[in-house]
Amino acid sequence: MTCGGCVSSITRVLQALDGVAKAEVSLEKKCAVVAYDPAKVGLDQLKRSVEDAGFEVAA
């Protein structure tokens, strides 16, 4: 992530997933905190969605 547009894009991608209640993305910390229902969406799907949007996921 390099700008506010990146933050908006990642937030939008995560919040579009069924089962995601809230996504908070921080440019300064270069991280995202996601509240989600693991019965509906898994961690792998969250990561894959961010990567499919063109962003790198670390850990």
N, C-alpha and C. Protein backbone atom coordinates (compact mmCIF):
# COMPACT_ATOMS: atom_id res chain seq x y z
N MET A 1 0.85 -1.17 0.00
CA MET A 1 0.00 0.00 0.00
C MET A 1 0.89 1.23 0.00
N THR A 2 0.49 2.16 -0.84
CA THR A 2 1.29 3.38 -0.93
C THR A 2 0.47 4.66 -0.80
N CYS A 3 -0.87 4.54 -0.80
CA CYS A 3 -1.67 5.76 -0.76
C CYS A 3 -3.08 5.49 -0.21
N GLY A 4 -3.83 6.55 -0.05
CA GLY A 4 -5.19 6.42 0.44
C GLY A 4 -6.08 5.64 -0.52
N GLY A 5 -5.77 5.70 -1.81
CA GLY A 5 -6.54 4.93 -2.78
C GLY A 5 -6.37 3.44 -2.55
N CYS A 6 -5.17 3.04 -2.18
CA CYS A 6 -4.91 1.63 -1.86
C CYS A 6 -5.74 1.20 -0.66
N VAL A 7 -5.77 2.05 0.35
CA VAL A 7 -6.55 1.76 1.55
C VAL A 7 -8.02 1.58 1.18
N SER A 8 -8.54 2.48 0.36
CA SER A 8 -9.95 2.39 -0.07
C SER A 8 -10.21 1.12 -0.86
N SER A 9 -9.30 0.79 -1.76
CA SER A 9 -9.47 -0.40 -2.59
C SER A 9 -9.49 -1.67 -1.75
N ILE A 10 -8.54 -1.79 -0.84
CA ILE A 10 -8.46 -2.99 -0.01
C ILE A 10 -9.67 -3.08 0.92
N THR A 11 -10.06 -1.96 1.48
CA THR A 11 -11.25 -1.94 2.35
C THR A 11 -12.47 -2.40 1.57
N ARG A 12 -12.65 -1.89 0.37
CA ARG A 12 -13.81 -2.24 -0.46
C ARG A 12 -13.80 -3.73 -0.81
N VAL A 13 -12.63 -4.26 -1.17
CA VAL A 13 -12.51 -5.68 -1.54
C VAL A 13 -12.87 -6.56 -0.35
N LEU A 14 -12.35 -6.23 0.83
CA LEU A 14 -12.63 -7.05 2.01
C LEU A 14 -14.09 -6.96 2.43
N GLN A 15 -14.64 -5.76 2.44
CA GLN A 15 -16.02 -5.59 2.89
C GLN A 15 -17.04 -6.19 1.92
N ALA A 16 -16.62 -6.44 0.69
CA ALA A 16 -17.52 -7.04 -0.30
C ALA A 16 -17.70 -8.55 -0.07
N LEU A 17 -16.82 -9.14 0.73
CA LEU A 17 -16.90 -10.58 0.97
C LEU A 17 -18.03 -10.91 1.95
N ASP A 18 -18.80 -11.94 1.60
CA ASP A 18 -19.85 -12.41 2.50
C ASP A 18 -19.21 -12.94 3.77
N GLY A 19 -19.66 -12.44 4.89
CA GLY A 19 -19.12 -12.88 6.16
C GLY A 19 -18.22 -11.85 6.83
N VAL A 20 -17.82 -10.81 6.07
CA VAL A 20 -16.98 -9.75 6.65
C VAL A 20 -17.89 -8.69 7.25
N ALA A 21 -17.75 -8.48 8.55
CA ALA A 21 -18.56 -7.49 9.24
C ALA A 21 -17.92 -6.11 9.19
N LYS A 22 -16.58 -6.08 9.26
CA LYS A 22 -15.87 -4.80 9.32
C LYS A 22 -14.43 -5.00 8.89
N ALA A 23 -13.90 -4.05 8.13
CA ALA A 23 -12.50 -4.08 7.74
C ALA A 23 -11.91 -2.69 7.96
N GLU A 24 -10.85 -2.63 8.74
CA GLU A 24 -10.14 -1.38 8.99
C GLU A 24 -8.73 -1.53 8.44
N VAL A 25 -8.39 -0.72 7.45
CA VAL A 25 -7.10 -0.81 6.79
C VAL A 25 -6.29 0.43 7.15
N SER A 26 -5.04 0.22 7.56
CA SER A 26 -4.17 1.32 7.98
C SER A 26 -2.97 1.44 7.04
N LEU A 27 -2.85 2.59 6.41
CA LEU A 27 -1.69 2.86 5.56
C LEU A 27 -0.43 2.99 6.40
N GLU A 28 -0.54 3.67 7.52
CA GLU A 28 0.62 3.88 8.39
C GLU A 28 1.19 2.57 8.92
N LYS A 29 0.32 1.69 9.35
CA LYS A 29 0.76 0.41 9.91
C LYS A 29 0.92 -0.68 8.85
N LYS A 30 0.42 -0.37 7.64
CA LYS A 30 0.45 -1.33 6.52
C LYS A 30 -0.19 -2.65 6.92
N CYS A 31 -1.40 -2.55 7.49
CA CYS A 31 -2.10 -3.76 7.91
C CYS A 31 -3.61 -3.55 7.82
N ALA A 32 -4.32 -4.65 7.94
CA ALA A 32 -5.78 -4.62 7.96
C ALA A 32 -6.25 -5.44 9.14
N VAL A 33 -7.26 -4.93 9.83
CA VAL A 33 -7.90 -5.66 10.91
C VAL A 33 -9.31 -5.96 10.42
N VAL A 34 -9.65 -7.25 10.38
CA VAL A 34 -10.92 -7.66 9.79
C VAL A 34 -11.74 -8.46 10.79
N ALA A 35 -12.98 -8.03 10.98
CA ALA A 35 -13.93 -8.80 11.80
C ALA A 35 -14.76 -9.62 10.82
N TYR A 36 -14.71 -10.94 10.96
CA TYR A 36 -15.42 -11.80 10.01
C TYR A 36 -15.95 -13.05 10.68
N ASP A 37 -16.91 -13.66 10.00
CA ASP A 37 -17.51 -14.91 10.46
C ASP A 37 -16.76 -16.06 9.78
N PRO A 38 -15.97 -16.83 10.53
CA PRO A 38 -15.19 -17.91 9.93
C PRO A 38 -16.06 -19.03 9.35
N ALA A 39 -17.33 -19.05 9.67
CA ALA A 39 -18.22 -20.04 9.07
C ALA A 39 -18.59 -19.64 7.64
N LYS A 40 -18.39 -18.37 7.30
CA LYS A 40 -18.75 -17.88 5.96
C LYS A 40 -17.55 -17.58 5.08
N VAL A 41 -16.46 -17.15 5.67
CA VAL A 41 -15.27 -16.78 4.90
C VAL A 41 -14.03 -17.16 5.71
N GLY A 42 -13.03 -17.68 5.02
CA GLY A 42 -11.82 -18.09 5.70
C GLY A 42 -10.67 -17.12 5.48
N LEU A 43 -9.64 -17.27 6.27
CA LEU A 43 -8.46 -16.42 6.18
C LEU A 43 -7.83 -16.51 4.79
N ASP A 44 -7.78 -17.70 4.23
CA ASP A 44 -7.21 -17.87 2.88
C ASP A 44 -7.99 -17.06 1.85
N GLN A 45 -9.31 -17.05 1.97
CA GLN A 45 -10.13 -16.29 1.03
C GLN A 45 -9.91 -14.78 1.20
N LEU A 46 -9.74 -14.33 2.44
CA LEU A 46 -9.45 -12.91 2.68
C LEU A 46 -8.13 -12.53 2.00
N LYS A 47 -7.10 -13.34 2.22
CA LYS A 47 -5.80 -13.07 1.62
C LYS A 47 -5.86 -13.10 0.10
N ARG A 48 -6.52 -14.10 -0.45
CA ARG A 48 -6.62 -14.26 -1.90
C ARG A 48 -7.34 -13.07 -2.53
N SER A 49 -8.36 -12.56 -1.88
CA SER A 49 -9.10 -11.41 -2.40
C SER A 49 -8.23 -10.17 -2.48
N VAL A 50 -7.42 -9.96 -1.47
CA VAL A 50 -6.49 -8.81 -1.47
C VAL A 50 -5.45 -8.99 -2.56
N GLU A 51 -4.91 -10.19 -2.69
CA GLU A 51 -3.92 -10.46 -3.73
C GLU A 51 -4.52 -10.33 -5.12
N ASP A 52 -5.73 -10.82 -5.30
CA ASP A 52 -6.41 -10.72 -6.60
C ASP A 52 -6.66 -9.25 -7.00
N ALA A 53 -6.73 -8.38 -5.99
CA ALA A 53 -6.91 -6.95 -6.24
C ALA A 53 -5.59 -6.26 -6.59
N GLY A 54 -4.49 -7.04 -6.55
CA GLY A 54 -3.19 -6.50 -6.95
C GLY A 54 -2.28 -6.08 -5.81
N PHE A 55 -2.59 -6.50 -4.61
CA PHE A 55 -1.79 -6.12 -3.44
C PHE A 55 -1.09 -7.33 -2.86
N GLU A 56 0.02 -7.10 -2.20
CA GLU A 56 0.79 -8.17 -1.58
C GLU A 56 0.30 -8.36 -0.14
N VAL A 57 0.23 -9.61 0.28
CA VAL A 57 -0.16 -9.95 1.64
C VAL A 57 1.05 -10.56 2.34
N ALA A 58 1.41 -9.98 3.47
CA ALA A 58 2.52 -10.50 4.27
C ALA A 58 1.94 -11.14 5.52
N ALA A 59 2.19 -12.41 5.70
CA ALA A 59 1.73 -13.19 6.86
C ALA A 59 0.30 -13.21 7.01
